[in-house]
Protein backbone atom coordinates (compact mmCIF):
# COMPACT_ATOMS: atom_id res chain seq x y z
CA MET A 1 0.00 -0.01 0.01
CA THR A 2 1.02 3.50 -0.43
CA LEU A 3 0.36 6.75 1.25
CA GLN A 4 -2.88 8.71 0.65
CA SER A 5 -3.29 12.50 0.34
CA GLY A 6 -3.50 14.52 3.15
CA GLY A 7 -7.24 14.92 4.51
CA GLN A 8 -9.39 18.05 5.02
CA GLY A 9 -10.90 19.05 8.03
CA MET A 10 -14.73 20.32 8.54
CA ASP A 11 -13.46 23.77 7.74
CA ASP A 12 -10.19 23.39 5.48
CA ASN A 13 -8.85 26.86 6.74
CA SER A 14 -9.23 25.98 10.50
CA ALA A 15 -6.08 25.51 12.71
CA ARG A 16 -7.13 21.56 12.65
CA GLY A 17 -7.22 21.38 8.99
CA ARG A 18 -3.96 23.07 8.75
CA GLN A 19 -2.37 20.86 11.32
CA VAL A 20 -3.65 17.78 9.30
CA ARG A 21 -2.47 18.79 6.19
CA ALA A 22 0.94 19.59 7.65
CA LEU A 23 1.16 15.98 8.76
CA ALA A 24 -0.06 14.79 5.42
CA PRO A 25 -0.17 12.10 3.48
CA TRP A 26 -2.43 10.00 5.57
CA PHE A 27 -3.08 6.41 5.11
CA HIS A 28 -5.36 5.92 8.20
CA ASN A 29 -8.60 8.16 8.05
CA LEU A 30 -9.07 8.95 11.27
CA HIS A 31 -12.47 10.67 12.53
CA LEU A 32 -10.92 13.40 14.98
CA PRO A 33 -13.28 14.63 18.16
CA ASP A 34 -14.07 17.60 16.35
CA GLY A 35 -15.41 15.64 13.27
CA THR A 36 -12.32 16.17 11.04
CA GLN A 37 -11.33 13.39 8.84
CA THR A 38 -7.79 13.02 8.04
CA ALA A 39 -8.13 11.04 4.95
CA PRO A 40 -11.67 11.38 3.89
CA ASP A 41 -10.83 10.68 0.13
CA HIS A 42 -9.25 7.39 0.94
CA PRO A 43 -9.40 5.16 -2.16
CA LEU A 44 -10.30 2.03 -0.06
CA GLY A 45 -13.29 4.11 1.29
CA ASP A 46 -13.57 4.72 5.54
CA PHE A 47 -10.10 2.87 5.70
CA PRO A 48 -9.57 1.43 8.37
CA ARG A 49 -12.92 2.20 9.97
CA PHE A 50 -14.69 -0.55 7.96
CA LYS A 51 -11.86 -3.16 9.12
CA TRP A 52 -12.19 -2.12 12.78
CA GLN A 53 -16.25 -2.91 12.65
CA GLN A 54 -15.14 -6.38 11.13
CA ILE A 55 -12.50 -6.96 14.05
CA ALA A 56 -14.21 -5.20 17.08
CA PRO A 57 -16.86 -7.68 18.00
CA ALA A 58 -14.15 -10.35 18.44
CA LEU A 59 -12.79 -8.25 21.32
CA PRO A 60 -14.07 -7.13 24.83
CA GLU A 61 -15.90 -4.03 25.12
CA ASP A 62 -14.21 -3.43 28.53
CA MET A 63 -10.48 -4.30 27.93
CA SER A 64 -9.26 -2.43 31.18
CA GLY A 65 -6.17 -4.35 32.53
CA MET A 66 -5.47 -6.19 29.22
CA SER A 67 -2.31 -5.20 27.30
CA VAL A 68 -2.04 -4.91 23.70
CA LEU A 69 0.54 -4.68 20.82
CA ASP A 70 -0.36 -3.00 17.58
CA ILE A 71 2.33 -4.01 15.27
CA GLY A 72 2.43 -1.47 12.37
CA CYS A 73 0.53 1.26 13.93
CA ASN A 74 0.54 3.64 11.14
CA ALA A 75 -1.20 6.61 12.47
CA GLY A 76 -2.58 4.82 15.27
CA PHE A 77 -6.26 4.04 14.41
CA TYR A 78 -6.59 0.75 16.32
CA SER A 79 -4.47 1.66 18.97
CA LEU A 80 -6.71 4.71 20.07
CA ALA A 81 -9.61 2.33 19.55
CA LEU A 82 -8.66 -0.31 21.88
CA ALA A 83 -7.37 2.48 24.20
CA ALA A 84 -10.65 3.83 24.20
CA ARG A 85 -11.66 0.28 25.58
CA GLY A 86 -9.47 0.61 28.43
CA ALA A 87 -6.73 -1.53 27.14
CA ARG A 88 -2.77 -0.30 27.91
CA VAL A 89 -1.47 -0.26 23.88
CA LEU A 90 1.83 -0.25 22.84
CA GLY A 91 1.96 0.56 19.19
CA ILE A 92 4.97 0.31 17.22
CA ASP A 93 5.80 0.93 13.46
CA LEU A 94 9.29 1.63 11.33
CA ASP A 95 8.11 4.62 9.73
CA GLU A 96 8.89 8.07 11.72
CA HIS A 97 6.01 9.99 9.34
CA TYR A 98 3.28 7.43 11.04
CA LEU A 99 4.54 7.91 14.29
CA ARG A 100 4.35 11.69 14.26
CA GLN A 101 0.92 11.34 13.07
CA ALA A 102 -0.06 8.87 15.79
CA ARG A 103 1.61 10.86 18.75
CA TRP A 104 -0.47 14.13 17.38
CA ALA A 105 -3.53 11.91 17.19
CA ARG A 106 -3.16 10.72 20.58
CA ASP A 107 -3.20 14.33 21.90
CA GLN A 108 -6.10 15.24 19.86
CA PHE A 109 -8.16 12.20 21.80
CA ASP A 110 -6.39 13.16 25.10
CA VAL A 111 -5.02 9.87 25.37
CA GLY A 112 -1.86 9.83 27.82
CA ALA A 113 1.33 7.97 26.67
CA ALA A 114 1.34 5.66 29.51
CA GLN A 115 -1.83 4.26 28.04
CA MET A 116 -0.99 4.39 24.67
CA ALA A 117 2.90 3.97 23.92
CA LEU A 118 4.72 4.62 20.58
CA ARG A 119 7.60 3.14 19.75
CA ARG A 120 10.19 3.25 16.41
CA MET A 121 10.87 -0.29 15.80
CA GLN A 122 10.60 -3.27 13.29
CA VAL A 123 8.78 -6.60 14.02
CA TYR A 124 12.04 -8.42 14.23
CA GLU A 125 13.24 -6.19 17.07
CA LEU A 126 9.91 -7.66 18.94
CA ALA A 127 12.27 -10.65 19.72
CA ARG A 128 14.16 -8.48 22.46
CA LEU A 129 11.03 -7.71 24.43
CA GLU A 130 10.33 -10.13 27.31
CA GLU A 131 7.01 -8.96 27.45
CA GLU A 132 3.70 -10.86 26.47
CA PHE A 133 0.39 -9.20 25.31
CA ASP A 134 -3.02 -10.28 25.89
CA VAL A 135 -4.03 -9.08 22.37
CA VAL A 136 -1.70 -8.49 19.38
CA LEU A 137 -2.79 -6.77 16.19
CA PHE A 138 -0.78 -7.91 13.22
CA LEU A 139 -2.76 -5.96 10.40
CA GLY A 140 -1.26 -5.30 7.03
CA VAL A 141 2.30 -6.27 7.61
CA LEU A 142 2.94 -9.67 7.09
CA TYR A 143 3.07 -9.46 3.17
CA HIS A 144 5.38 -6.57 3.50
CA LEU A 145 7.97 -8.49 5.02
CA ARG A 146 11.09 -10.32 3.69
CA TYR A 147 11.14 -13.05 6.22
CA PRO A 148 7.42 -13.66 6.80
CA LEU A 149 7.56 -16.71 9.08
CA LEU A 150 10.60 -15.55 10.92
CA ALA A 151 8.40 -12.57 11.77
CA LEU A 152 5.47 -14.60 12.41
CA ASP A 153 7.13 -16.87 15.00
CA ILE A 154 8.33 -13.65 16.67
CA VAL A 155 5.05 -12.41 16.81
CA ALA A 156 3.38 -15.68 18.10
CA SER A 157 5.97 -15.62 20.77
CA LYS A 158 4.13 -12.42 22.12
CA VAL A 159 0.68 -13.61 21.99
CA ARG A 160 -0.65 -14.66 25.46
CA GLU A 161 -4.11 -14.84 24.34
CA LEU A 162 -5.13 -13.78 21.19
CA LEU A 163 -3.71 -12.77 17.59
CA VAL A 164 -5.63 -10.77 15.00
CA LEU A 165 -3.60 -11.21 11.89
CA GLN A 166 -4.79 -9.49 8.33
CA THR A 167 -2.77 -9.73 5.04
CA LEU A 168 -2.82 -9.32 1.46
CA THR A 169 -3.74 -12.81 0.09
CA MET A 170 -3.90 -14.36 -3.42
CA PRO A 171 -7.42 -15.13 -4.87
CA GLY A 172 -9.02 -18.49 -3.45
CA GLU A 173 -10.50 -19.43 -0.07
CA GLU A 174 -10.08 -23.24 -0.20
CA THR A 175 -8.42 -25.17 2.53
CA LEU A 176 -7.13 -28.36 3.68
CA THR A 177 -5.72 -30.55 6.51
CA PRO A 178 -2.31 -31.03 5.24
CA PRO A 179 -1.01 -34.67 5.50
CA GLU A 180 1.42 -35.58 8.42
CA ASP A 181 4.04 -37.16 6.10
CA MET A 182 4.17 -37.39 2.20
CA THR A 183 6.74 -38.92 -0.32
CA LEU A 184 8.54 -37.15 -3.19
CA ALA A 185 6.06 -39.10 -5.46
CA GLN A 186 3.23 -37.47 -4.09
CA ARG A 187 4.46 -33.78 -4.55
CA GLU A 188 1.44 -33.39 -7.23
CA GLN A 189 -0.54 -32.44 -4.17
CA MET A 190 1.12 -29.09 -3.86
CA LEU A 191 -0.49 -28.37 -7.29
CA ALA A 192 -3.96 -28.36 -5.49
CA PRO A 193 -5.70 -25.40 -5.04
CA GLU A 194 -6.29 -25.66 -1.69
CA TRP A 195 -2.60 -26.86 -1.04
CA PRO A 196 -0.95 -23.97 1.16
CA LYS A 197 0.78 -21.84 -1.08
CA MET A 198 2.52 -18.33 -1.22
CA ALA A 199 3.17 -15.93 -4.32
CA PHE A 200 6.37 -14.25 -4.40
CA ILE A 201 6.15 -10.73 -5.93
CA GLU A 202 9.53 -9.98 -7.34
CA HIS A 203 9.32 -6.56 -8.50
CA ARG A 204 6.03 -4.46 -7.74
CA LEU A 205 2.15 -4.69 -6.58
CA GLU A 206 0.13 -1.62 -6.82
CA GLY A 207 3.60 0.25 -7.63
CA ASP A 208 4.61 -0.77 -3.96
CA PRO A 209 8.35 -2.59 -3.75
CA THR A 210 7.60 -3.86 -0.14
CA ASN A 211 4.54 -5.74 -1.48
CA TRP A 212 6.66 -9.24 -1.64
CA TRP A 213 4.25 -11.93 -0.73
CA ALA A 214 0.61 -13.22 -1.34
CA PRO A 215 -0.30 -16.22 0.56
CA ASN A 216 -3.46 -18.21 -0.10
CA ARG A 217 -5.88 -18.62 2.86
CA ALA A 218 -4.31 -22.26 3.38
CA CYS A 219 -1.30 -21.11 3.79
CA VAL A 220 -2.00 -18.11 6.23
CA GLU A 221 -3.87 -20.75 8.65
CA ALA A 222 -0.69 -23.25 7.89
CA MET A 223 1.91 -20.51 8.95
CA LEU A 224 -0.03 -19.73 12.31
CA ARG A 225 -0.40 -23.27 13.08
CA SER A 226 3.19 -23.66 11.99
CA SER A 227 3.93 -20.99 14.67
CA GLY A 228 2.23 -22.30 17.45
CA LEU A 229 -1.10 -20.64 16.96
CA GLU A 230 -4.45 -22.08 16.08
CA PRO A 231 -6.71 -20.37 13.82
CA ILE A 232 -10.23 -20.00 15.35
CA ALA A 233 -12.35 -17.63 13.10
CA SER A 234 -12.11 -15.35 10.29
CA PRO A 235 -14.20 -12.08 11.13
CA GLY A 236 -13.40 -10.65 7.70
CA HIS A 237 -11.77 -10.85 4.24
CA GLU A 238 -8.11 -11.57 4.80
CA ILE A 239 -8.92 -11.79 8.62
CA GLN A 240 -7.71 -14.29 10.73
CA LEU A 241 -8.02 -14.70 14.68
CA ALA A 242 -5.65 -17.23 16.29
CA ARG A 243 -5.02 -18.41 19.98
CA ARG A 244 -1.75 -19.86 21.40
CA SER A 245 -2.11 -23.64 20.71
CA ALA A 246 -0.74 -26.10 23.59
CA GLY A 247 1.80 -27.70 21.49
CA GLY A 248 3.74 -24.23 20.50
CA GLY A 249 5.71 -23.46 17.68
CA SER A 250 8.25 -25.25 15.82
CA ALA A 251 10.72 -22.47 16.66
CA SER A 252 12.21 -22.24 19.82
CA SER A 253 13.19 -19.31 21.66
CA ALA A 254 16.83 -20.10 21.72
CA GLU A 255 16.44 -20.67 17.88
CA LEU A 256 15.12 -17.32 17.37
CA ARG A 257 17.57 -15.71 19.29
CA SER A 258 20.50 -17.12 17.06
CA VAL A 259 19.00 -16.17 14.13
CA LEU A 260 18.58 -12.63 15.25
CA GLY A 261 22.17 -12.65 16.68
CA LEU A 262 20.66 -11.85 20.51
CA ASN A 263 22.64 -14.80 22.03
């Protein structure tokens, strides 16, 4: 995805409207307390509000005492929504532009930094955090990563209760229960539409060179299971809810630390 042009306030010449334009371009269309919208002409519509409307019913209305990690928080739409339910949120993003927007938006909603902390970091750096979170949001990030399964292993290690994952996918909703083992002669099974697979995007998709991957739904579910998470529901297109499974993932903590040079 690419950044969108700056939004307009209800009064485009107001101080708030000028601040919104100064922070442009926006990818999150935030509805500010005075009615100003940051990206009212977003090509996806009222984004990400319509995604939140799919996810919100799966989360408690009262999240007081719960901790949330918002990976790729962008301008903070989801972080703000979860803070409004009482959660203590850590929003992370690699792009300082987005974090600048999120800090400004946090002030507009009068949310304290203790309740909605913001930090510049990439997903792989989460391996250095000892903390686990009751809820982890991993929305619109996986397909931008060069090392998606490594990232998912790291993210899974931070999930205490629930992961909410959204990723670009290739067409096709078919899934299967994969065999426990197969011979080399049975590899033709991998050509079936329902086999877990991921398309590699060598150059660009929608003009964005960071769109690296497009897994099918079966692959998303298989990757979750491989990382020690059990898919439990899909409240919307390309959205998966998953809980920690009893067996855990295939990547050990020691293995992750070694891969990331943290030993």
